[in-house]
Amino acid sequence: MLRYIFKRLLTGIITIWAVITITFFLVRLMPGGPFDGDKITPEIKANLEAKYGLDKPVGEQYKIYMSNLLKGDLGESMKFVGRDVSKTIKTTFPKSAKLGGVAVALAVVVGVSLGVVSALKSGKWPDRLCMFLATLGITIPSFVMSALLIYVLASKLHILPTTGFTSWKHLVMPSIALAASATSFITRLTRSKLIDVLKSDYIRTAKAKGLSGRTIIFKHALRNSLIPVITYLGPLIAGVLTGSFVVESIFAIPGLGSEFVSTVTNRDYSALLGVLVFYSTLIVVCNILVDIMYVIVDPRIKLDKPEV
């Protein structure tokens, strides 16, 4: 187990380095820059570039950035004077994490429940209804779902606020919009895997021993059916916890997702790279945790290869 985790950490570090390196050079190939604008004179632009080291060769800029990154310094925003990138992430991430946590919990609970119902009622009207809802959730984009929720629950029924992030009511609509697609995907994964598991020999043996249907489903069949769901949870948790760029912008939530949109729009190189470093690290950590969860859910799975 420890050897496997070490290998995954090493692979993750290489992956993060590759993402940072590619992004570092790509953003500098984009047209324009953080200090382009009609109100900025060439003298002011030259002074700003000298302050942030953009007047140096790109290779030297890369060495300086990586050296600072190894020290834990993500730099300072190039568009907002005095705004530290690390502090910005610490301020915005908890809001995205709160929203994302609710969305992930909603997706898992509802998705697994609908998947179980659909598998147990395969070919009947509950199965068709669940698959219809799952298809809707996958095909409707999050921004369209957000607009529909705002129109129905806020504009027409006036039961939920449109924007803000001060009470639990502000979490309802963005959480549903974020969870819709993931819920649909988890429903399909649970259904297809559970149908296969229910046809397994050990399930027939459990039935022959006289075990109750509830015990067979929840203690034996469902546990093995959750392996594909757990695989999907790794990137899902990382993506949702860091915030949906579109959903946070629509509901005016001051989270990491809207901050990322701002960094791209402003061509804020240091802030953009800082968010990507954080996001990449979170994905690596979540994927390692998912691998560990495999063993917890199904002890038959061994992460380390057996020695010959």
Foldseek 3Di string as FASTA:
>chain_A
DVVLLVVLVVVLVVVLVVVLVVLLVVLVVDPDALQDDPVADPVNVVVLCVVQVVVDDSVVNVVVCVVCVVVVQLDAWSNDPPHGLVVLQVVFLVLLQVLLVLLVVVLQVLLLVLLVQLQVQPPDPSVVVSLVQLVVLQPQALLNQLVVCCVPVCVPVNPADQADDDDVSLSPSLSCSLNSNSSSVSSVLLNVQLNVLCPDPVLVVCVVVPDDPVCSVPVPRSLVSCLVVLQVVLLSSLVSSQHDLNSCVRRVRRHNSVVCVVCVVSSGSSSNSSSSSVSSVSSSVSNSVSVVVVCVSPVVDDSDDDDD
